[in-house]
Amino acid sequence: MTYNEACLVPNPMGPNACVLFDPEVCIGCNSCVDQCRSQVLLPNPVSGKPPIVAYPDDCWFCGCCVNVCPVPGANSMEHPLQNKVAWKRKETGEFFRIGMKNPPAPNLKPPVDH
């Protein structure tokens, strides 16, 4: 009789990435793992490496993991596309959303009273 080794592996990543880690910046302190309210993150078994995003679909997008991080830029919240604010310019039909590259200048005109 043979026994297979049990391993913990993250769920396959879907279109929802939720938290992104920069492995060059993250020090692997796991403070984000301790702070996560929905237990999306698991500590990496390799010391000093970023946590494992095990359950991305369960993320509440509360941002606690990003706020508690002691190293700026080590992690960031990646909101799903349907949660990102978007707008369309009437005159040209151009479509814009927050986070896009080269966004247009903000509209500083006051609203028109009707």
C-alpha atoms as a PDB file:
ATOM      1  CA  MET A   1       0.000   0.000   0.000  1.00  0.00           C
ATOM      2  CA  THR A   2       1.401   3.428  -0.937  1.00  0.00           C
ATOM      3  CA  TYR A   3       0.463   6.800   0.447  1.00  0.00           C
ATOM      4  CA  ASN A   4       0.500   9.952  -1.617  1.00  0.00           C
ATOM      5  CA  GLU A   5       1.798  13.154  -0.170  1.00  0.00           C
ATOM      6  CA  ALA A   6      -0.951  15.680   0.583  1.00  0.00           C
ATOM      7  CA  CYS A   7      -0.284  19.164  -0.727  1.00  0.00           C
ATOM      8  CA  LEU A   8      -2.081  22.460  -0.364  1.00  0.00           C
ATOM      9  CA  VAL A   9      -2.491  24.138  -3.730  1.00  0.00           C
ATOM     10  CA  PRO A  10      -4.396  27.321  -4.544  1.00  0.00           C
ATOM     11  CA  ASN A  11      -7.638  27.243  -6.495  1.00  0.00           C
ATOM     12  CA  PRO A  12      -7.208  27.982 -10.190  1.00  0.00           C
ATOM     13  CA  MET A  13      -7.265  31.702 -10.790  1.00  0.00           C
ATOM     14  CA  GLY A  14     -10.334  32.848 -12.627  1.00  0.00           C
ATOM     15  CA  PRO A  15     -10.903  36.288 -14.062  1.00  0.00           C
ATOM     16  CA  ASN A  16     -10.913  37.580 -10.480  1.00  0.00           C
ATOM     17  CA  ALA A  17      -7.351  38.276  -9.248  1.00  0.00           C
ATOM     18  CA  CYS A  18      -8.378  40.324  -6.136  1.00  0.00           C
ATOM     19  CA  VAL A  19      -4.944  40.922  -4.511  1.00  0.00           C
ATOM     20  CA  LEU A  20      -1.733  41.309  -6.480  1.00  0.00           C
ATOM     21  CA  PHE A  21       1.679  40.935  -4.830  1.00  0.00           C
ATOM     22  CA  ASP A  22       5.009  42.296  -6.059  1.00  0.00           C
ATOM     23  CA  PRO A  23       7.476  39.517  -5.145  1.00  0.00           C
ATOM     24  CA  GLU A  24      10.387  41.953  -5.424  1.00  0.00           C
ATOM     25  CA  VAL A  25       8.900  44.231  -2.748  1.00  0.00           C
ATOM     26  CA  CYS A  26       6.919  41.882  -0.470  1.00  0.00           C
ATOM     27  CA  ILE A  27       8.897  40.763   2.598  1.00  0.00           C
ATOM     28  CA  GLY A  28       6.570  37.851   3.438  1.00  0.00           C
ATOM     29  CA  CYS A  29       5.589  39.154   6.877  1.00  0.00           C
ATOM     30  CA  ASN A  30       2.069  37.663   6.491  1.00  0.00           C
ATOM     31  CA  SER A  31       0.397  40.623   8.203  1.00  0.00           C
ATOM     32  CA  CYS A  32      -2.068  40.680   5.295  1.00  0.00           C
ATOM     33  CA  VAL A  33      -2.895  37.005   5.919  1.00  0.00           C
ATOM     34  CA  ASP A  34      -3.665  37.737   9.570  1.00  0.00           C
ATOM     35  CA  GLN A  35      -5.819  40.735   8.660  1.00  0.00           C
ATOM     36  CA  CYS A  36      -7.843  39.145   5.816  1.00  0.00           C
ATOM     37  CA  ARG A  37     -11.504  38.995   6.878  1.00  0.00           C
ATOM     38  CA  SER A  38     -12.566  36.359   4.368  1.00  0.00           C
ATOM     39  CA  GLN A  39      -9.485  34.101   4.660  1.00  0.00           C
ATOM     40  CA  VAL A  40      -8.555  34.469   1.000  1.00  0.00           C
ATOM     41  CA  LEU A  41      -4.799  34.476   1.693  1.00  0.00           C
ATOM     42  CA  LEU A  42      -2.632  31.687   3.059  1.00  0.00           C
ATOM     43  CA  PRO A  43       0.933  32.043   4.343  1.00  0.00           C
ATOM     44  CA  ASN A  44       3.564  30.911   1.889  1.00  0.00           C
ATOM     45  CA  PRO A  45       5.472  27.868   3.160  1.00  0.00           C
ATOM     46  CA  VAL A  46       8.674  29.458   1.829  1.00  0.00           C
ATOM     47  CA  SER A  47       9.869  32.126   4.272  1.00  0.00           C
ATOM     48  CA  GLY A  48      10.072  35.643   2.830  1.00  0.00           C
ATOM     49  CA  LYS A  49       7.798  34.919  -0.137  1.00  0.00           C
ATOM     50  CA  PRO A  50       4.406  36.598  -0.791  1.00  0.00           C
ATOM     51  CA  PRO A  51       1.276  34.891   0.559  1.00  0.00           C
ATOM     52  CA  ILE A  52      -0.728  32.515  -1.597  1.00  0.00           C
ATOM     53  CA  VAL A  53      -4.046  33.808  -2.935  1.00  0.00           C
ATOM     54  CA  ALA A  54      -5.948  30.573  -2.353  1.00  0.00           C
ATOM     55  CA  TYR A  55      -9.587  31.655  -2.673  1.00  0.00           C
ATOM     56  CA  PRO A  56      -9.801  34.730  -4.956  1.00  0.00           C
ATOM     57  CA  ASP A  57     -13.534  34.340  -5.591  1.00  0.00           C
ATOM     58  CA  ASP A  58     -14.256  34.720  -1.854  1.00  0.00           C
ATOM     59  CA  CYS A  59     -12.581  38.140  -1.583  1.00  0.00           C
ATOM     60  CA  TRP A  60     -14.784  40.940  -0.220  1.00  0.00           C
ATOM     61  CA  PHE A  61     -12.512  43.669  -1.694  1.00  0.00           C
ATOM     62  CA  CYS A  62     -12.430  45.410   1.685  1.00  0.00           C
ATOM     63  CA  GLY A  63      -8.767  46.406   1.262  1.00  0.00           C
ATOM     64  CA  CYS A  64      -7.685  45.440   4.796  1.00  0.00           C
ATOM     65  CA  CYS A  65      -4.764  43.427   3.441  1.00  0.00           C
ATOM     66  CA  VAL A  66      -3.451  46.431   1.504  1.00  0.00           C
ATOM     67  CA  ASN A  67      -3.950  48.881   4.387  1.00  0.00           C
ATOM     68  CA  VAL A  68      -2.130  46.743   6.964  1.00  0.00           C
ATOM     69  CA  CYS A  69       0.936  46.092   4.774  1.00  0.00           C
ATOM     70  CA  PRO A  70       4.085  47.675   6.283  1.00  0.00           C
ATOM     71  CA  VAL A  71       5.831  47.894   2.887  1.00  0.00           C
ATOM     72  CA  PRO A  72       4.276  50.390   0.426  1.00  0.00           C
ATOM     73  CA  GLY A  73       3.707  48.855  -2.991  1.00  0.00           C
ATOM     74  CA  ALA A  74       4.087  45.232  -1.874  1.00  0.00           C
ATOM     75  CA  ASN A  75       0.441  44.424  -2.607  1.00  0.00           C
ATOM     76  CA  SER A  76      -2.487  46.087  -4.333  1.00  0.00           C
ATOM     77  CA  MET A  77      -6.221  45.497  -4.655  1.00  0.00           C
ATOM     78  CA  GLU A  78      -7.382  44.550  -8.140  1.00  0.00           C
ATOM     79  CA  HIS A  79     -11.111  45.222  -8.326  1.00  0.00           C
ATOM     80  CA  PRO A  80     -13.145  43.299 -10.907  1.00  0.00           C
ATOM     81  CA  LEU A  81     -13.902  45.156 -14.092  1.00  0.00           C
ATOM     82  CA  GLN A  82     -17.615  45.389 -13.316  1.00  0.00           C
ATOM     83  CA  ASN A  83     -16.782  47.278 -10.089  1.00  0.00           C
ATOM     84  CA  LYS A  84     -14.614  49.898 -11.760  1.00  0.00           C
ATOM     85  CA  VAL A  85     -16.231  53.250 -12.449  1.00  0.00           C
ATOM     86  CA  ALA A  86     -16.755  54.028 -16.123  1.00  0.00           C
ATOM     87  CA  TRP A  87     -18.192  56.906 -18.106  1.00  0.00           C
ATOM     88  CA  LYS A  88     -18.913  57.832 -21.698  1.00  0.00           C
ATOM     89  CA  ARG A  89     -18.400  61.246 -23.267  1.00  0.00           C
ATOM     90  CA  LYS A  90     -21.609  62.376 -25.018  1.00  0.00           C
ATOM     91  CA  GLU A  91     -19.964  64.478 -27.706  1.00  0.00           C
ATOM     92  CA  THR A  92     -17.509  61.881 -29.007  1.00  0.00           C
ATOM     93  CA  GLY A  93     -18.843  58.572 -27.680  1.00  0.00           C
ATOM     94  CA  GLU A  94     -15.457  57.816 -26.098  1.00  0.00           C
ATOM     95  CA  PHE A  95     -15.558  55.300 -23.246  1.00  0.00           C
ATOM     96  CA  PHE A  96     -13.360  55.755 -20.173  1.00  0.00           C
ATOM     97  CA  ARG A  97     -12.830  53.909 -16.909  1.00  0.00           C
ATOM     98  CA  ILE A  98     -10.787  54.439 -13.766  1.00  0.00           C
ATOM     99  CA  GLY A  99      -7.412  52.754 -13.959  1.00  0.00           C
ATOM    100  CA  MET A 100      -7.046  52.940 -17.720  1.00  0.00           C
ATOM    101  CA  LYS A 101      -3.796  54.079 -19.313  1.00  0.00           C
ATOM    102  CA  ASN A 102      -3.708  57.748 -20.330  1.00  0.00           C
ATOM    103  CA  PRO A 103      -7.087  58.794 -18.889  1.00  0.00           C
ATOM    104  CA  PRO A 104      -8.613  62.054 -20.157  1.00  0.00           C
ATOM    105  CA  ALA A 105      -8.353  65.284 -18.228  1.00  0.00           C
ATOM    106  CA  PRO A 106     -11.191  65.705 -15.720  1.00  0.00           C
ATOM    107  CA  ASN A 107     -14.231  67.733 -16.718  1.00  0.00           C
ATOM    108  CA  LEU A 108     -13.968  70.930 -14.689  1.00  0.00           C
ATOM    109  CA  LYS A 109     -17.071  72.616 -16.117  1.00  0.00           C
ATOM    110  CA  PRO A 110     -19.799  73.276 -13.536  1.00  0.00           C
ATOM    111  CA  PRO A 111     -23.075  71.435 -14.060  1.00  0.00           C
ATOM    112  CA  VAL A 112     -25.687  73.238 -16.132  1.00  0.00           C
ATOM    113  CA  ASP A 113     -28.861  74.232 -14.308  1.00  0.00           C
ATOM    114  CA  HIS A 114     -32.026  73.231 -16.094  1.00  0.00           C
END
